[in-house]
């Protein structure tokens, strides 16, 4: 609300040398109601090219995603994760359903 937009994007950036950085970018002119906007084009960069793209990227192979998940969980330690949703049960947005 403070940014005057209905939605924001969460973008991760990495140049391979420094830790991954996360940025929140306001999406001006986009409805607050989520719907997929798919591009027929795909793009993928090993490292951040210096700009953001809304084109779809290829899905990484399952074994690669499993390895990333394993590495993230190792860093988290053995903490129990709380999956309790504290939002409104009427919220049907994609983000609310994911969390």
N, C-alpha and C. Protein backbone atom coordinates (compact mmCIF):
# COMPACT_ATOMS: atom_id res chain seq x y z
N UNK A 1 0.82 -1.19 0.00
CA UNK A 1 0.00 0.00 0.00
C UNK A 1 0.86 1.25 0.00
N UNK A 2 1.96 1.21 0.76
CA UNK A 2 2.82 2.39 0.81
C UNK A 2 3.43 2.70 -0.54
N UNK A 3 3.60 1.68 -1.36
CA UNK A 3 4.20 1.88 -2.68
C UNK A 3 3.17 2.26 -3.73
N UNK A 4 1.89 2.21 -3.39
CA UNK A 4 0.85 2.58 -4.32
C UNK A 4 0.62 1.56 -5.42
N UNK A 5 0.89 0.28 -5.13
CA UNK A 5 0.70 -0.78 -6.12
C UNK A 5 -0.09 -1.92 -5.49
N UNK A 6 -0.72 -2.71 -6.35
CA UNK A 6 -1.48 -3.86 -5.88
C UNK A 6 -0.63 -5.08 -5.64
N UNK A 7 0.52 -5.17 -6.31
CA UNK A 7 1.37 -6.35 -6.15
C UNK A 7 2.83 -5.97 -6.29
N UNK A 8 3.69 -6.82 -5.76
CA UNK A 8 5.14 -6.66 -5.87
C UNK A 8 5.74 -7.98 -6.34
N UNK A 9 6.92 -7.91 -6.92
CA UNK A 9 7.66 -9.10 -7.33
C UNK A 9 8.84 -9.30 -6.40
N UNK A 10 9.15 -10.54 -6.11
CA UNK A 10 10.33 -10.89 -5.33
C UNK A 10 11.36 -11.41 -6.32
N UNK A 11 12.49 -10.73 -6.42
CA UNK A 11 13.51 -11.06 -7.41
C UNK A 11 14.80 -11.44 -6.70
N UNK A 12 15.40 -12.53 -7.13
CA UNK A 12 16.70 -12.93 -6.58
C UNK A 12 17.77 -12.57 -7.60
N UNK A 13 18.91 -12.12 -7.11
CA UNK A 13 20.02 -11.71 -7.97
C UNK A 13 21.30 -12.37 -7.50
N UNK A 14 22.10 -12.83 -8.44
CA UNK A 14 23.40 -13.40 -8.10
C UNK A 14 24.35 -13.19 -9.27
N UNK A 15 25.56 -12.82 -8.94
CA UNK A 15 26.58 -12.71 -9.99
C UNK A 15 27.57 -13.86 -9.88
N UNK A 16 27.31 -14.78 -8.97
CA UNK A 16 28.18 -15.94 -8.80
C UNK A 16 29.31 -15.72 -7.83
N UNK A 17 29.69 -14.47 -7.58
CA UNK A 17 30.81 -14.19 -6.68
C UNK A 17 30.32 -13.80 -5.29
N UNK A 18 29.19 -13.13 -5.23
CA UNK A 18 28.65 -12.68 -3.95
C UNK A 18 27.42 -13.51 -3.58
N UNK A 19 26.99 -13.43 -2.32
CA UNK A 19 25.77 -14.15 -1.93
C UNK A 19 24.56 -13.66 -2.72
N UNK A 20 23.57 -14.51 -2.84
CA UNK A 20 22.34 -14.15 -3.53
C UNK A 20 21.66 -13.02 -2.77
N UNK A 21 21.16 -12.05 -3.51
CA UNK A 21 20.43 -10.93 -2.91
C UNK A 21 18.97 -11.02 -3.35
N UNK A 22 18.08 -10.58 -2.48
CA UNK A 22 16.66 -10.57 -2.81
C UNK A 22 16.18 -9.13 -2.83
N UNK A 23 15.32 -8.83 -3.80
CA UNK A 23 14.78 -7.48 -3.93
C UNK A 23 13.27 -7.57 -4.09
N UNK A 24 12.57 -6.60 -3.53
CA UNK A 24 11.13 -6.48 -3.73
C UNK A 24 10.92 -5.32 -4.69
N UNK A 25 10.24 -5.60 -5.81
CA UNK A 25 10.05 -4.60 -6.85
C UNK A 25 8.55 -4.33 -7.00
N UNK A 26 8.12 -3.06 -6.87
CA UNK A 26 6.70 -2.75 -7.07
C UNK A 26 6.29 -2.95 -8.52
N UNK A 27 5.13 -3.54 -8.74
CA UNK A 27 4.64 -3.80 -10.10
C UNK A 27 3.53 -2.80 -10.41
N UNK A 28 3.90 -1.70 -11.02
CA UNK A 28 2.93 -0.66 -11.39
C UNK A 28 2.11 -1.12 -12.58
N UNK A 29 0.82 -0.84 -12.55
CA UNK A 29 -0.06 -1.18 -13.67
C UNK A 29 -0.51 -2.62 -13.69
N UNK A 30 -0.25 -3.37 -12.63
CA UNK A 30 -0.65 -4.78 -12.55
C UNK A 30 -1.76 -4.89 -11.52
N UNK A 31 -2.81 -5.62 -11.85
CA UNK A 31 -3.94 -5.80 -10.93
C UNK A 31 -3.50 -6.51 -9.66
N UNK A 32 -4.18 -6.21 -8.56
CA UNK A 32 -3.85 -6.89 -7.30
C UNK A 32 -4.33 -8.34 -7.32
N UNK A 33 -5.27 -8.68 -8.20
CA UNK A 33 -5.72 -10.07 -8.33
C UNK A 33 -4.72 -10.81 -9.20
N UNK A 34 -4.15 -11.91 -8.67
CA UNK A 34 -3.12 -12.63 -9.41
C UNK A 34 -3.75 -13.46 -10.52
N UNK A 35 -3.10 -13.47 -11.67
CA UNK A 35 -3.41 -14.39 -12.75
C UNK A 35 -2.12 -14.61 -13.52
N UNK A 36 -1.93 -15.80 -14.07
CA UNK A 36 -0.68 -16.05 -14.79
C UNK A 36 -0.61 -15.23 -16.08
N UNK A 37 0.55 -14.70 -16.34
CA UNK A 37 0.83 -14.02 -17.60
C UNK A 37 2.05 -14.74 -18.17
N UNK A 38 1.81 -15.59 -19.14
CA UNK A 38 2.87 -16.45 -19.65
C UNK A 38 3.42 -15.92 -20.96
N UNK A 39 4.70 -16.08 -21.13
CA UNK A 39 5.36 -15.67 -22.37
C UNK A 39 5.70 -16.92 -23.17
N UNK A 40 5.52 -16.88 -24.49
CA UNK A 40 5.91 -18.04 -25.30
C UNK A 40 7.43 -18.17 -25.40
N UNK A 41 8.15 -17.10 -25.07
CA UNK A 41 9.61 -17.11 -25.13
C UNK A 41 10.18 -17.56 -23.79
N UNK A 42 11.35 -18.18 -23.83
CA UNK A 42 12.03 -18.56 -22.59
C UNK A 42 13.41 -17.91 -22.57
N UNK A 43 13.86 -17.62 -21.37
CA UNK A 43 15.19 -17.04 -21.16
C UNK A 43 15.80 -17.71 -19.94
N UNK A 44 17.11 -17.88 -19.95
CA UNK A 44 17.81 -18.36 -18.77
C UNK A 44 19.23 -17.81 -18.80
N UNK A 45 19.66 -17.31 -17.67
CA UNK A 45 21.02 -16.79 -17.53
C UNK A 45 21.67 -17.44 -16.32
N UNK A 46 22.89 -17.88 -16.46
CA UNK A 46 23.63 -18.42 -15.31
C UNK A 46 23.83 -17.35 -14.25
N UNK A 47 24.04 -16.12 -14.69
CA UNK A 47 24.27 -15.00 -13.77
C UNK A 47 23.38 -13.83 -14.17
N UNK A 48 23.09 -12.99 -13.22
CA UNK A 48 22.20 -11.84 -13.43
C UNK A 48 22.75 -10.95 -14.54
N UNK A 49 21.96 -10.71 -15.61
CA UNK A 49 22.46 -9.90 -16.73
C UNK A 49 22.40 -8.39 -16.48
N UNK A 50 21.87 -7.99 -15.33
CA UNK A 50 21.78 -6.56 -15.03
C UNK A 50 20.39 -5.98 -15.23
N UNK A 51 19.44 -6.83 -15.56
CA UNK A 51 18.05 -6.39 -15.73
C UNK A 51 17.13 -7.56 -15.40
N UNK A 52 15.85 -7.26 -15.22
CA UNK A 52 14.87 -8.31 -14.93
C UNK A 52 14.02 -8.56 -16.16
N UNK A 53 13.60 -9.79 -16.33
CA UNK A 53 12.77 -10.18 -17.46
C UNK A 53 11.54 -10.91 -16.94
N UNK A 54 10.43 -10.75 -17.63
CA UNK A 54 9.22 -11.47 -17.23
C UNK A 54 9.01 -12.72 -18.09
N UNK A 55 10.00 -13.06 -18.89
CA UNK A 55 9.87 -14.26 -19.71
C UNK A 55 10.04 -15.50 -18.83
N UNK A 56 9.42 -16.57 -19.26
CA UNK A 56 9.52 -17.82 -18.51
C UNK A 56 10.89 -18.44 -18.74
N UNK A 57 11.35 -19.17 -17.75
CA UNK A 57 12.60 -19.89 -17.87
C UNK A 57 12.34 -21.38 -17.89
N UNK A 58 13.29 -22.16 -18.34
CA UNK A 58 13.12 -23.61 -18.34
C UNK A 58 13.15 -24.14 -16.91
N UNK A 59 12.41 -25.21 -16.66
CA UNK A 59 12.42 -25.84 -15.34
C UNK A 59 13.72 -26.63 -15.20
N UNK A 60 14.35 -26.47 -14.06
CA UNK A 60 15.57 -27.23 -13.80
C UNK A 60 15.21 -28.71 -13.63
N UNK A 61 16.13 -29.61 -13.95
CA UNK A 61 15.86 -31.04 -13.74
C UNK A 61 15.56 -31.33 -12.27
N UNK A 62 14.70 -32.30 -12.03
CA UNK A 62 14.29 -32.64 -10.66
C UNK A 62 15.47 -32.93 -9.75
N UNK A 63 16.50 -33.62 -10.25
CA UNK A 63 17.63 -33.95 -9.39
C UNK A 63 18.39 -32.69 -8.96
N UNK A 64 18.42 -31.68 -9.81
CA UNK A 64 19.07 -30.41 -9.46
C UNK A 64 18.24 -29.69 -8.40
N UNK A 65 16.92 -29.64 -8.58
CA UNK A 65 16.04 -29.00 -7.59
C UNK A 65 16.10 -29.72 -6.25
N UNK A 66 16.17 -31.05 -6.29
CA UNK A 66 16.29 -31.83 -5.04
C UNK A 66 17.58 -31.48 -4.31
N UNK A 67 18.66 -31.30 -5.04
CA UNK A 67 19.95 -30.94 -4.43
C UNK A 67 19.90 -29.55 -3.81
N UNK A 68 19.28 -28.60 -4.50
CA UNK A 68 19.13 -27.25 -3.95
C UNK A 68 18.31 -27.30 -2.67
N UNK A 69 17.21 -28.05 -2.71
CA UNK A 69 16.37 -28.20 -1.51
C UNK A 69 17.17 -28.79 -0.35
N UNK A 70 17.96 -29.79 -0.63
CA UNK A 70 18.77 -30.44 0.40
C UNK A 70 19.77 -29.45 1.01
N UNK A 71 20.42 -28.65 0.16
CA UNK A 71 21.40 -27.67 0.66
C UNK A 71 20.73 -26.59 1.51
N UNK A 72 19.55 -26.15 1.10
CA UNK A 72 18.83 -25.14 1.89
C UNK A 72 18.44 -25.72 3.24
N UNK A 73 17.90 -26.93 3.24
CA UNK A 73 17.48 -27.55 4.50
C UNK A 73 18.65 -27.81 5.44
N UNK A 74 19.82 -28.12 4.89
CA UNK A 74 21.00 -28.32 5.74
C UNK A 74 21.36 -27.02 6.46
N UNK A 75 21.21 -25.88 5.78
CA UNK A 75 21.52 -24.59 6.39
C UNK A 75 20.50 -24.21 7.45
N UNK A 76 19.26 -24.70 7.31
CA UNK A 76 18.21 -24.36 8.27
C UNK A 76 18.38 -25.10 9.59
N UNK A 77 19.11 -26.19 9.57
CA UNK A 77 19.27 -26.97 10.79
C UNK A 77 18.06 -27.86 11.02
N UNK A 78 17.90 -28.30 12.25
CA UNK A 78 16.83 -29.26 12.55
C UNK A 78 15.62 -28.59 13.20
N UNK A 79 15.42 -27.30 12.93
CA UNK A 79 14.29 -26.60 13.50
C UNK A 79 12.98 -27.18 12.96
N UNK A 80 11.98 -27.24 13.82
CA UNK A 80 10.66 -27.63 13.35
C UNK A 80 10.06 -26.44 12.62
N UNK A 81 9.47 -26.70 11.47
CA UNK A 81 8.88 -25.64 10.67
C UNK A 81 7.39 -25.56 10.99
N UNK A 82 6.90 -24.36 11.23
CA UNK A 82 5.48 -24.14 11.51
C UNK A 82 4.76 -23.89 10.18
N UNK A 83 3.79 -24.71 9.86
CA UNK A 83 3.04 -24.57 8.61
C UNK A 83 1.66 -23.93 8.85
N UNK A 84 1.47 -23.33 10.01
CA UNK A 84 0.18 -22.74 10.34
C UNK A 84 -0.03 -21.45 9.54
N UNK A 85 -1.16 -21.37 8.85
CA UNK A 85 -1.50 -20.18 8.07
C UNK A 85 -2.29 -19.23 8.95
N UNK A 86 -1.79 -18.01 9.11
CA UNK A 86 -2.43 -17.05 9.99
C UNK A 86 -3.23 -16.01 9.23
N UNK A 87 -3.36 -16.18 7.93
CA UNK A 87 -4.13 -15.23 7.13
C UNK A 87 -5.60 -15.56 7.12
N UNK A 88 -6.34 -14.80 6.34
CA UNK A 88 -7.79 -14.99 6.23
C UNK A 88 -8.09 -16.25 5.43
N UNK A 89 -8.98 -17.11 5.93
CA UNK A 89 -9.35 -18.33 5.18
C UNK A 89 -10.02 -18.00 3.84
N UNK A 90 -10.56 -16.79 3.70
CA UNK A 90 -11.21 -16.39 2.46
C UNK A 90 -10.21 -15.93 1.39
N UNK A 91 -8.95 -15.76 1.76
CA UNK A 91 -7.94 -15.29 0.81
C UNK A 91 -7.61 -16.41 -0.17
N UNK A 92 -8.02 -16.24 -1.43
CA UNK A 92 -7.80 -17.30 -2.42
C UNK A 92 -6.66 -16.96 -3.38
N UNK A 93 -5.86 -15.95 -3.05
CA UNK A 93 -4.75 -15.59 -3.93
C UNK A 93 -3.72 -16.71 -3.98
N UNK A 94 -2.94 -16.75 -5.04
CA UNK A 94 -1.93 -17.80 -5.18
C UNK A 94 -0.94 -17.77 -4.02
N UNK A 95 -0.49 -16.57 -3.64
CA UNK A 95 0.48 -16.47 -2.56
C UNK A 95 -0.08 -17.05 -1.27
N UNK A 96 -1.34 -16.75 -0.96
CA UNK A 96 -1.95 -17.28 0.26
C UNK A 96 -2.05 -18.80 0.20
N UNK A 97 -2.31 -19.35 -0.97
CA UNK A 97 -2.41 -20.80 -1.09
C UNK A 97 -1.04 -21.46 -1.00
N UNK A 98 0.00 -20.78 -1.44
CA UNK A 98 1.35 -21.35 -1.37
C UNK A 98 1.82 -21.42 0.07
N UNK A 99 1.62 -20.33 0.82
CA UNK A 99 2.12 -20.31 2.19
C UNK A 99 1.15 -21.01 3.10
